[in-house]
Amino acid sequence: MAKNELNKLAQEITQGQYKIQGKGTFKEEFVTCGGVDLKEIDFKTMASKRCSGLYFAGEILDIDGITGGFNFQSAWTTAWLAGNAIANSFPATARTV
C-alpha cells in the first residue's frame, strides 16, 4: 500500500463522518456485511497479510453471522488475538507492567 493511500486511510478512520439514518424495521442494524477479506488476514494474529503492522478485529472483518451473540463473540475473540499479537511484537522488557 502506498504511503499516500495509508495517509488517506488513516484520515478516514480518524476523521470520517457518517450520517446515521436510524434503526431499520427488521433489526438489520445488528448485522454487518462486507469488510476486510478474510483471505488477507493471518488468523493466528489477526495481522494483515498485505500491510505489516496492521491488525484487524471485530466488525471490520467480512464475517456475517446470526445475531444473538455471534458478532460480540467474534469481536471479542479477534480483538484478544490481535491485542496479544501486538503485545508480543514488543521485546519482553517493554511488556512489563
PDB file of N, CA and C in Angstrom:
ATOM      1  N   MET A   1       0.855  -1.171   0.000  1.00  0.00           N
ATOM      2  CA  MET A   1       0.000   0.000   0.000  1.00  0.00           C
ATOM      3  C   MET A   1       0.907   1.243   0.000  1.00  0.00           C
ATOM      4  N   ALA A   2       0.650   2.168  -0.884  1.00  0.00           N
ATOM      5  CA  ALA A   2       1.467   3.381  -0.987  1.00  0.00           C
ATOM      6  C   ALA A   2       1.249   4.287   0.220  1.00  0.00           C
ATOM      7  N   LYS A   3       2.249   5.109   0.517  1.00  0.00           N
ATOM      8  CA  LYS A   3       2.183   5.989   1.683  1.00  0.00           C
ATOM      9  C   LYS A   3       0.975   6.925   1.603  1.00  0.00           C
ATOM     10  N   ASN A   4       0.686   7.465   0.413  1.00  0.00           N
ATOM     11  CA  ASN A   4      -0.461   8.371   0.302  1.00  0.00           C
ATOM     12  C   ASN A   4      -1.778   7.627   0.539  1.00  0.00           C
ATOM     13  N   GLU A   5      -1.848   6.346   0.154  1.00  0.00           N
ATOM     14  CA  GLU A   5      -3.038   5.547   0.425  1.00  0.00           C
ATOM     15  C   GLU A   5      -3.196   5.300   1.921  1.00  0.00           C
ATOM     16  N   LEU A   6      -2.081   5.017   2.604  1.00  0.00           N
ATOM     17  CA  LEU A   6      -2.125   4.830   4.061  1.00  0.00           C
ATOM     18  C   LEU A   6      -2.565   6.105   4.759  1.00  0.00           C
ATOM     19  N   ASN A   7      -2.066   7.250   4.280  1.00  0.00           N
ATOM     20  CA  ASN A   7      -2.463   8.531   4.871  1.00  0.00           C
ATOM     21  C   ASN A   7      -3.959   8.787   4.686  1.00  0.00           C
ATOM     22  N   LYS A   8      -4.488   8.467   3.506  1.00  0.00           N
ATOM     23  CA  LYS A   8      -5.923   8.631   3.255  1.00  0.00           C
ATOM     24  C   LYS A   8      -6.735   7.723   4.164  1.00  0.00           C
ATOM     25  N   LEU A   9      -6.281   6.479   4.316  1.00  0.00           N
ATOM     26  CA  LEU A   9      -6.971   5.533   5.186  1.00  0.00           C
ATOM     27  C   LEU A   9      -6.959   6.018   6.632  1.00  0.00           C
ATOM     28  N   ALA A  10      -5.806   6.463   7.107  1.00  0.00           N
ATOM     29  CA  ALA A  10      -5.701   6.962   8.483  1.00  0.00           C
ATOM     30  C   ALA A  10      -6.608   8.167   8.691  1.00  0.00           C
ATOM     31  N   GLN A  11      -6.663   9.045   7.716  1.00  0.00           N
ATOM     32  CA  GLN A  11      -7.526  10.228   7.830  1.00  0.00           C
ATOM     33  C   GLN A  11      -8.999   9.822   7.874  1.00  0.00           C
ATOM     34  N   GLU A  12      -9.390   8.879   7.037  1.00  0.00           N
ATOM     35  CA  GLU A  12     -10.782   8.432   7.019  1.00  0.00           C
ATOM     36  C   GLU A  12     -11.159   7.765   8.341  1.00  0.00           C
ATOM     37  N   ILE A  13     -10.251   6.937   8.850  1.00  0.00           N
ATOM     38  CA  ILE A  13     -10.525   6.244  10.114  1.00  0.00           C
ATOM     39  C   ILE A  13     -10.651   7.230  11.273  1.00  0.00           C
ATOM     40  N   THR A  14      -9.799   8.231  11.307  1.00  0.00           N
ATOM     41  CA  THR A  14      -9.796   9.157  12.446  1.00  0.00           C
ATOM     42  C   THR A  14     -10.703  10.368  12.279  1.00  0.00           C
ATOM     43  N   GLN A  15     -11.060  10.718  11.035  1.00  0.00           N
ATOM     44  CA  GLN A  15     -11.838  11.938  10.832  1.00  0.00           C
ATOM     45  C   GLN A  15     -13.107  11.734  10.007  1.00  0.00           C
ATOM     46  N   GLY A  16     -13.373  10.505   9.564  1.00  0.00           N
ATOM     47  CA  GLY A  16     -14.550  10.253   8.731  1.00  0.00           C
ATOM     48  C   GLY A  16     -15.837  10.557   9.481  1.00  0.00           C
ATOM     49  N   GLN A  17     -16.792  11.130   8.778  1.00  0.00           N
ATOM     50  CA  GLN A  17     -18.092  11.442   9.364  1.00  0.00           C
ATOM     51  C   GLN A  17     -19.173  10.772   8.528  1.00  0.00           C
ATOM     52  N   TYR A  18     -20.137  10.163   9.212  1.00  0.00           N
ATOM     53  CA  TYR A  18     -21.173   9.408   8.531  1.00  0.00           C
ATOM     54  C   TYR A  18     -22.528   9.762   9.121  1.00  0.00           C
ATOM     55  N   LYS A  19     -23.497   9.987   8.260  1.00  0.00           N
ATOM     56  CA  LYS A  19     -24.837  10.330   8.708  1.00  0.00           C
ATOM     57  C   LYS A  19     -25.591   9.057   9.083  1.00  0.00           C
ATOM     58  N   ILE A  20     -26.154   9.037  10.268  1.00  0.00           N
ATOM     59  CA  ILE A  20     -26.933   7.895  10.741  1.00  0.00           C
ATOM     60  C   ILE A  20     -28.408   8.174  10.463  1.00  0.00           C
ATOM     61  N   GLN A  21     -29.072   7.236   9.816  1.00  0.00           N
ATOM     62  CA  GLN A  21     -30.480   7.415   9.452  1.00  0.00           C
ATOM     63  C   GLN A  21     -31.432   6.836  10.493  1.00  0.00           C
ATOM     64  N   GLY A  22     -30.949   6.070  11.447  1.00  0.00           N
ATOM     65  CA  GLY A  22     -31.821   5.466  12.447  1.00  0.00           C
ATOM     66  C   GLY A  22     -31.906   3.962  12.263  1.00  0.00           C
ATOM     67  N   LYS A  23     -32.646   3.326  13.116  1.00  0.00           N
ATOM     68  CA  LYS A  23     -32.784   1.875  13.080  1.00  0.00           C
ATOM     69  C   LYS A  23     -33.735   1.447  11.979  1.00  0.00           C
ATOM     70  N   GLY A  24     -33.486   0.265  11.446  1.00  0.00           N
ATOM     71  CA  GLY A  24     -34.369  -0.312  10.439  1.00  0.00           C
ATOM     72  C   GLY A  24     -35.489  -1.092  11.093  1.00  0.00           C
ATOM     73  N   THR A  25     -36.460  -1.470  10.306  1.00  0.00           N
ATOM     74  CA  THR A  25     -37.620  -2.177  10.851  1.00  0.00           C
ATOM     75  C   THR A  25     -37.353  -3.663  11.090  1.00  0.00           C
ATOM     76  N   PHE A  26     -36.301  -4.208  10.469  1.00  0.00           N
ATOM     77  CA  PHE A  26     -36.026  -5.634  10.620  1.00  0.00           C
ATOM     78  C   PHE A  26     -34.751  -5.891  11.406  1.00  0.00           C
ATOM     79  N   LYS A  27     -34.313  -4.920  12.176  1.00  0.00           N
ATOM     80  CA  LYS A  27     -33.133  -5.020  13.042  1.00  0.00           C
ATOM     81  C   LYS A  27     -31.859  -5.329  12.276  1.00  0.00           C
ATOM     82  N   GLU A  28     -31.781  -4.910  11.017  1.00  0.00           N
ATOM     83  CA  GLU A  28     -30.567  -5.156  10.249  1.00  0.00           C
ATOM     84  C   GLU A  28     -29.386  -4.360  10.775  1.00  0.00           C
ATOM     85  N   GLU A  29     -29.632  -3.451  11.710  1.00  0.00           N
ATOM     86  CA  GLU A  29     -28.525  -2.693  12.277  1.00  0.00           C
ATOM     87  C   GLU A  29     -27.601  -3.559  13.131  1.00  0.00           C
ATOM     88  N   PHE A  30     -28.000  -4.785  13.411  1.00  0.00           N
ATOM     89  CA  PHE A  30     -27.187  -5.669  14.229  1.00  0.00           C
ATOM     90  C   PHE A  30     -26.238  -6.543  13.412  1.00  0.00           C
ATOM     91  N   VAL A  31     -26.352  -6.510  12.104  1.00  0.00           N
ATOM     92  CA  VAL A  31     -25.546  -7.376  11.255  1.00  0.00           C
ATOM     93  C   VAL A  31     -24.797  -6.528  10.240  1.00  0.00           C
ATOM     94  N   THR A  32     -23.539  -6.830  10.044  1.00  0.00           N
ATOM     95  CA  THR A  32     -22.767  -6.125   9.033  1.00  0.00           C
ATOM     96  C   THR A  32     -22.515  -7.050   7.860  1.00  0.00           C
ATOM     97  N   CYS A  33     -22.178  -6.469   6.766  1.00  0.00           N
ATOM     98  CA  CYS A  33     -21.873  -7.257   5.580  1.00  0.00           C
ATOM     99  C   CYS A  33     -20.720  -6.572   4.865  1.00  0.00           C
ATOM    100  N   GLY A  34     -19.761  -7.350   4.437  1.00  0.00           N
ATOM    101  CA  GLY A  34     -18.600  -6.755   3.793  1.00  0.00           C
ATOM    102  C   GLY A  34     -17.506  -6.497   4.811  1.00  0.00           C
ATOM    103  N   GLY A  35     -16.446  -5.918   4.369  1.00  0.00           N
ATOM    104  CA  GLY A  35     -15.322  -5.639   5.245  1.00  0.00           C
ATOM    105  C   GLY A  35     -14.050  -6.222   4.679  1.00  0.00           C
ATOM    106  N   VAL A  36     -13.050  -6.334   5.515  1.00  0.00           N
ATOM    107  CA  VAL A  36     -11.751  -6.840   5.094  1.00  0.00           C
ATOM    108  C   VAL A  36     -11.888  -8.319   4.746  1.00  0.00           C
ATOM    109  N   ASP A  37     -11.419  -8.679   3.567  1.00  0.00           N
ATOM    110  CA  ASP A  37     -11.485 -10.057   3.087  1.00  0.00           C
ATOM    111  C   ASP A  37     -10.675 -10.966   4.015  1.00  0.00           C
ATOM    112  N   LEU A  38     -11.301 -12.035   4.459  1.00  0.00           N
ATOM    113  CA  LEU A  38     -10.655 -12.941   5.413  1.00  0.00           C
ATOM    114  C   LEU A  38      -9.422 -13.628   4.843  1.00  0.00           C
ATOM    115  N   LYS A  39      -9.316 -13.709   3.524  1.00  0.00           N
ATOM    116  CA  LYS A  39      -8.142 -14.313   2.891  1.00  0.00           C
ATOM    117  C   LYS A  39      -6.894 -13.452   3.096  1.00  0.00           C
ATOM    118  N   GLU A  40      -7.090 -12.202   3.482  1.00  0.00           N
ATOM    119  CA  GLU A  40      -5.969 -11.274   3.639  1.00  0.00           C
ATOM    120  C   GLU A  40      -5.524 -11.120   5.089  1.00  0.00           C
ATOM    121  N   ILE A  41      -5.973 -12.054   5.948  1.00  0.00           N
ATOM    122  CA  ILE A  41      -5.674 -11.955   7.376  1.00  0.00           C
ATOM    123  C   ILE A  41      -5.060 -13.247   7.887  1.00  0.00           C
ATOM    124  N   ASP A  42      -4.047 -13.132   8.733  1.00  0.00           N
ATOM    125  CA  ASP A  42      -3.464 -14.277   9.434  1.00  0.00           C
ATOM    126  C   ASP A  42      -4.307 -14.490  10.694  1.00  0.00           C
ATOM    127  N   PHE A  43      -5.072 -15.574  10.752  1.00  0.00           N
ATOM    128  CA  PHE A  43      -5.997 -15.779  11.862  1.00  0.00           C
ATOM    129  C   PHE A  43      -5.326 -16.057  13.202  1.00  0.00           C
ATOM    130  N   LYS A  44      -4.062 -16.398  13.205  1.00  0.00           N
ATOM    131  CA  LYS A  44      -3.366 -16.616  14.483  1.00  0.00           C
ATOM    132  C   LYS A  44      -3.078 -15.291  15.173  1.00  0.00           C
ATOM    133  N   THR A  45      -2.919 -14.236  14.382  1.00  0.00           N
ATOM    134  CA  THR A  45      -2.543 -12.924  14.937  1.00  0.00           C
ATOM    135  C   THR A  45      -3.497 -11.807  14.550  1.00  0.00           C
ATOM    136  N   MET A  46      -4.376 -12.045  13.603  1.00  0.00           N
ATOM    137  CA  MET A  46      -5.282 -11.056  13.017  1.00  0.00           C
ATOM    138  C   MET A  46      -4.522  -9.964  12.262  1.00  0.00           C
ATOM    139  N   ALA A  47      -3.286 -10.273  11.875  1.00  0.00           N
ATOM    140  CA  ALA A  47      -2.451  -9.322  11.137  1.00  0.00           C
ATOM    141  C   ALA A  47      -2.803  -9.348   9.653  1.00  0.00           C
ATOM    142  N   SER A  48      -2.683  -8.191   9.051  1.00  0.00           N
ATOM    143  CA  SER A  48      -2.866  -8.078   7.609  1.00  0.00           C
ATOM    144  C   SER A  48      -1.736  -8.805   6.894  1.00  0.00           C
ATOM    145  N   LYS A  49      -2.068  -9.524   5.845  1.00  0.00           N
ATOM    146  CA  LYS A  49      -1.049 -10.167   5.020  1.00  0.00           C
ATOM    147  C   LYS A  49      -0.478  -9.180   4.010  1.00  0.00           C
ATOM    148  N   ARG A  50      -1.126  -8.026   3.866  1.00  0.00           N
ATOM    149  CA  ARG A  50      -0.709  -7.039   2.862  1.00  0.00           C
ATOM    150  C   ARG A  50       0.065  -5.871   3.456  1.00  0.00           C
ATOM    151  N   CYS A  51      -0.175  -5.564   4.724  1.00  0.00           N
ATOM    152  CA  CYS A  51       0.442  -4.375   5.322  1.00  0.00           C
ATOM    153  C   CYS A  51       0.999  -4.724   6.698  1.00  0.00           C
ATOM    154  N   SER A  52       2.296  -4.801   6.801  1.00  0.00           N
ATOM    155  CA  SER A  52       2.959  -5.152   8.056  1.00  0.00           C
ATOM    156  C   SER A  52       2.580  -4.171   9.168  1.00  0.00           C
ATOM    157  N   GLY A  53       2.269  -4.716  10.343  1.00  0.00           N
ATOM    158  CA  GLY A  53       1.950  -3.890  11.493  1.00  0.00           C
ATOM    159  C   GLY A  53       0.494  -3.465  11.581  1.00  0.00           C
ATOM    160  N   LEU A  54      -0.340  -3.929  10.654  1.00  0.00           N
ATOM    161  CA  LEU A  54      -1.759  -3.593  10.656  1.00  0.00           C
ATOM    162  C   LEU A  54      -2.551  -4.816  11.099  1.00  0.00           C
ATOM    163  N   TYR A  55      -3.424  -4.635  12.078  1.00  0.00           N
ATOM    164  CA  TYR A  55      -4.209  -5.728  12.646  1.00  0.00           C
ATOM    165  C   TYR A  55      -5.695  -5.378  12.548  1.00  0.00           C
ATOM    166  N   PHE A  56      -6.519  -6.407  12.437  1.00  0.00           N
ATOM    167  CA  PHE A  56      -7.958  -6.209  12.309  1.00  0.00           C
ATOM    168  C   PHE A  56      -8.697  -7.001  13.376  1.00  0.00           C
ATOM    169  N   ALA A  57      -9.862  -6.487  13.788  1.00  0.00           N
ATOM    170  CA  ALA A  57     -10.701  -7.190  14.752  1.00  0.00           C
ATOM    171  C   ALA A  57     -12.135  -6.690  14.617  1.00  0.00           C
ATOM    172  N   GLY A  58     -13.057  -7.525  15.039  1.00  0.00           N
ATOM    173  CA  GLY A  58     -14.454  -7.110  15.124  1.00  0.00           C
ATOM    174  C   GLY A  58     -15.146  -6.967  13.792  1.00  0.00           C
ATOM    175  N   GLU A  59     -16.040  -5.994  13.708  1.00  0.00           N
ATOM    176  CA  GLU A  59     -16.922  -5.865  12.562  1.00  0.00           C
ATOM    177  C   GLU A  59     -16.275  -5.248  11.332  1.00  0.00           C
ATOM    178  N   ILE A  60     -14.993  -4.941  11.399  1.00  0.00           N
ATOM    179  CA  ILE A  60     -14.272  -4.507  10.203  1.00  0.00           C
ATOM    180  C   ILE A  60     -14.022  -5.699   9.285  1.00  0.00           C
ATOM    181  N   LEU A  61     -14.145  -6.904   9.843  1.00  0.00           N
ATOM    182  CA  LEU A  61     -13.908  -8.141   9.088  1.00  0.00           C
ATOM    183  C   LEU A  61     -15.157  -8.551   8.312  1.00  0.00           C
ATOM    184  N   ASP A  62     -14.965  -9.220   7.205  1.00  0.00           N
ATOM    185  CA  ASP A  62     -16.074  -9.699   6.382  1.00  0.00           C
ATOM    186  C   ASP A  62     -16.602 -11.006   6.958  1.00  0.00           C
ATOM    187  N   ILE A  63     -17.280 -10.879   8.101  1.00  0.00           N
ATOM    188  CA  ILE A  63     -17.885 -12.031   8.772  1.00  0.00           C
ATOM    189  C   ILE A  63     -19.367 -11.734   8.927  1.00  0.00           C
ATOM    190  N   ASP A  64     -20.205 -12.599   8.398  1.00  0.00           N
ATOM    191  CA  ASP A  64     -21.649 -12.481   8.575  1.00  0.00           C
ATOM    192  C   ASP A  64     -22.107 -13.630   9.447  1.00  0.00           C
ATOM    193  N   GLY A  65     -23.012 -13.348  10.342  1.00  0.00           N
ATOM    194  CA  GLY A  65     -23.494 -14.417  11.199  1.00  0.00           C
ATOM    195  C   GLY A  65     -24.843 -14.081  11.791  1.00  0.00           C
ATOM    196  N   ILE A  66     -25.414 -15.054  12.409  1.00  0.00           N
ATOM    197  CA  ILE A  66     -26.692 -14.880  13.093  1.00  0.00           C
ATOM    198  C   ILE A  66     -26.454 -14.002  14.311  1.00  0.00           C
ATOM    199  N   THR A  67     -27.354 -13.073  14.542  1.00  0.00           N
ATOM    200  CA  THR A  67     -27.215 -12.207  15.706  1.00  0.00           C
ATOM    201  C   THR A  67     -27.542 -12.990  16.973  1.00  0.00           C
ATOM    202  N   GLY A  68     -27.432 -12.333  18.101  1.00  0.00           N
ATOM    203  CA  GLY A  68     -27.699 -13.003  19.361  1.00  0.00           C
ATOM    204  C   GLY A  68     -26.415 -13.430  20.050  1.00  0.00           C
ATOM    205  N   GLY A  69     -25.346 -12.730  19.795  1.00  0.00           N
ATOM    206  CA  GLY A  69     -24.102 -13.004  20.485  1.00  0.00           C
ATOM    207  C   GLY A  69     -22.949 -13.379  19.582  1.00  0.00           C
ATOM    208  N   PHE A  70     -23.231 -13.885  18.385  1.00  0.00           N
ATOM    209  CA  PHE A  70     -22.153 -14.307  17.497  1.00  0.00           C
ATOM    210  C   PHE A  70     -21.229 -13.146  17.174  1.00  0.00           C
ATOM    211  N   ASN A  71     -21.794 -12.004  16.807  1.00  0.00           N
ATOM    212  CA  ASN A  71     -20.968 -10.854  16.444  1.00  0.00           C
ATOM    213  C   ASN A  71     -20.140 -10.364  17.629  1.00  0.00           C
ATOM    214  N   PHE A  72     -20.721 -10.378  18.825  1.00  0.00           N
ATOM    215  CA  PHE A  72     -19.961  -9.977  20.014  1.00  0.00           C
ATOM    216  C   PHE A  72     -18.793 -10.925  20.245  1.00  0.00           C
ATOM    217  N   GLN A  73     -19.067 -12.228  20.201  1.00  0.00           N
ATOM    218  CA  GLN A  73     -18.007 -13.203  20.449  1.00  0.00           C
ATOM    219  C   GLN A  73     -16.908 -13.085  19.405  1.00  0.00           C
ATOM    220  N   SER A  74     -17.282 -12.886  18.171  1.00  0.00           N
ATOM    221  CA  SER A  74     -16.297 -12.711  17.111  1.00  0.00           C
ATOM    222  C   SER A  74     -15.440 -11.474  17.382  1.00  0.00           C
ATOM    223  N   ALA A  75     -16.069 -10.387  17.779  1.00  0.00           N
ATOM    224  CA  ALA A  75     -15.337  -9.152  18.069  1.00  0.00           C
ATOM    225  C   ALA A  75     -14.386  -9.343  19.250  1.00  0.00           C
ATOM    226  N   TRP A  76     -14.859  -9.971  20.318  1.00  0.00           N
ATOM    227  CA  TRP A  76     -14.008 -10.175  21.497  1.00  0.00           C
ATOM    228  C   TRP A  76     -12.835 -11.089  21.180  1.00  0.00           C
ATOM    229  N   THR A  77     -13.101 -12.170  20.477  1.00  0.00           N
ATOM    230  CA  THR A  77     -12.048 -13.143  20.163  1.00  0.00           C
ATOM    231  C   THR A  77     -10.996 -12.552  19.239  1.00  0.00           C
ATOM    232  N   THR A  78     -11.434 -11.890  18.177  1.00  0.00           N
ATOM    233  CA  THR A  78     -10.461 -11.319  17.238  1.00  0.00           C
ATOM    234  C   THR A  78      -9.677 -10.183  17.890  1.00  0.00           C
ATOM    235  N   ALA A  79     -10.313  -9.423  18.762  1.00  0.00           N
ATOM    236  CA  ALA A  79      -9.597  -8.357  19.478  1.00  0.00           C
ATOM    237  C   ALA A  79      -8.551  -8.947  20.422  1.00  0.00           C
ATOM    238  N   TRP A  80      -8.893 -10.042  21.093  1.00  0.00           N
ATOM    239  CA  TRP A  80      -7.946 -10.707  22.000  1.00  0.00           C
ATOM    240  C   TRP A  80      -6.743 -11.217  21.217  1.00  0.00           C
ATOM    241  N   LEU A  81      -7.012 -11.857  20.065  1.00  0.00           N
ATOM    242  CA  LEU A  81      -5.916 -12.362  19.237  1.00  0.00           C
ATOM    243  C   LEU A  81      -5.017 -11.225  18.750  1.00  0.00           C
ATOM    244  N   ALA A  82      -5.624 -10.153  18.245  1.00  0.00           N
ATOM    245  CA  ALA A  82      -4.846  -9.022  17.737  1.00  0.00           C
ATOM    246  C   ALA A  82      -4.066  -8.351  18.863  1.00  0.00           C
ATOM    247  N   GLY A  83      -4.704  -8.141  20.001  1.00  0.00           N
ATOM    248  CA  GLY A  83      -4.035  -7.494  21.134  1.00  0.00           C
ATOM    249  C   GLY A  83      -2.834  -8.276  21.625  1.00  0.00           C
ATOM    250  N   ASN A  84      -2.992  -9.593  21.728  1.00  0.00           N
ATOM    251  CA  ASN A  84      -1.866 -10.426  22.146  1.00  0.00           C
ATOM    252  C   ASN A  84      -0.738 -10.398  21.129  1.00  0.00           C
ATOM    253  N   ALA A  85      -1.084 -10.446  19.862  1.00  0.00           N
ATOM    254  CA  ALA A  85      -0.055 -10.410  18.816  1.00  0.00           C
ATOM    255  C   ALA A  85       0.699  -9.083  18.845  1.00  0.00           C
ATOM    256  N   ILE A  86      -0.023  -7.999  19.037  1.00  0.00           N
ATOM    257  CA  ILE A  86       0.626  -6.681  19.107  1.00  0.00           C
ATOM    258  C   ILE A  86       1.540  -6.614  20.324  1.00  0.00           C
ATOM    259  N   ALA A  87       1.041  -7.049  21.479  1.00  0.00           N
ATOM    260  CA  ALA A  87       1.852  -7.028  22.695  1.00  0.00           C
ATOM    261  C   ALA A  87       3.100  -7.888  22.542  1.00  0.00           C
ATOM    262  N   ASN A  88       2.949  -9.043  21.917  1.00  0.00           N
ATOM    263  CA  ASN A  88       4.084  -9.950  21.741  1.00  0.00           C
ATOM    264  C   ASN A  88       5.075  -9.480  20.685  1.00  0.00           C
ATOM    265  N   SER A  89       4.689  -8.473  19.924  1.00  0.00           N
ATOM    266  CA  SER A  89       5.614  -7.946  18.912  1.00  0.00           C
ATOM    267  C   SER A  89       6.672  -7.017  19.536  1.00  0.00           C
ATOM    268  N   PHE A  90       6.480  -6.661  20.814  1.00  0.00           N
ATOM    269  CA  PHE A  90       7.442  -5.831  21.519  1.00  0.00           C
ATOM    270  C   PHE A  90       8.394  -6.715  22.310  1.00  0.00           C
ATOM    271  N   PRO A  91       9.611  -6.246  22.555  1.00  0.00           N
ATOM    272  CA  PRO A  91      10.532  -7.037  23.387  1.00  0.00           C
ATOM    273  C   PRO A  91       9.927  -7.283  24.773  1.00  0.00           C
ATOM    274  N   ALA A  92      10.265  -8.399  25.363  1.00  0.00           N
ATOM    275  CA  ALA A  92       9.695  -8.766  26.680  1.00  0.00           C
ATOM    276  C   ALA A  92       9.928  -7.680  27.709  1.00  0.00           C
ATOM    277  N   THR A  93      11.054  -6.981  27.657  1.00  0.00           N
ATOM    278  CA  THR A  93      11.326  -5.918  28.636  1.00  0.00           C
ATOM    279  C   THR A  93      10.377  -4.745  28.492  1.00  0.00           C
ATOM    280  N   ALA A  94       9.846  -4.538  27.316  1.00  0.00           N
ATOM    281  CA  ALA A  94       8.915  -3.422  27.101  1.00  0.00           C
ATOM    282  C   ALA A  94       7.495  -3.773  27.555  1.00  0.00           C
ATOM    283  N   ARG A  95       7.235  -5.070  27.855  1.00  0.00           N
ATOM    284  CA  ARG A  95       5.889  -5.502  28.214  1.00  0.00           C
ATOM    285  C   ARG A  95       5.654  -5.564  29.716  1.00  0.00           C
ATOM    286  N   THR A  96       6.603  -5.156  30.511  1.00  0.00           N
ATOM    287  CA  THR A  96       6.402  -5.222  31.959  1.00  0.00           C
ATOM    288  C   THR A  96       5.416  -4.149  32.382  1.00  0.00           C
ATOM    289  N   VAL A  97       4.579  -4.515  33.321  1.00  0.00           N
ATOM    290  CA  VAL A  97       3.537  -3.586  33.799  1.00  0.00           C
ATOM    291  C   VAL A  97       3.875  -3.125  35.193  1.00  0.00           C
TER     292      VAL A  97
END
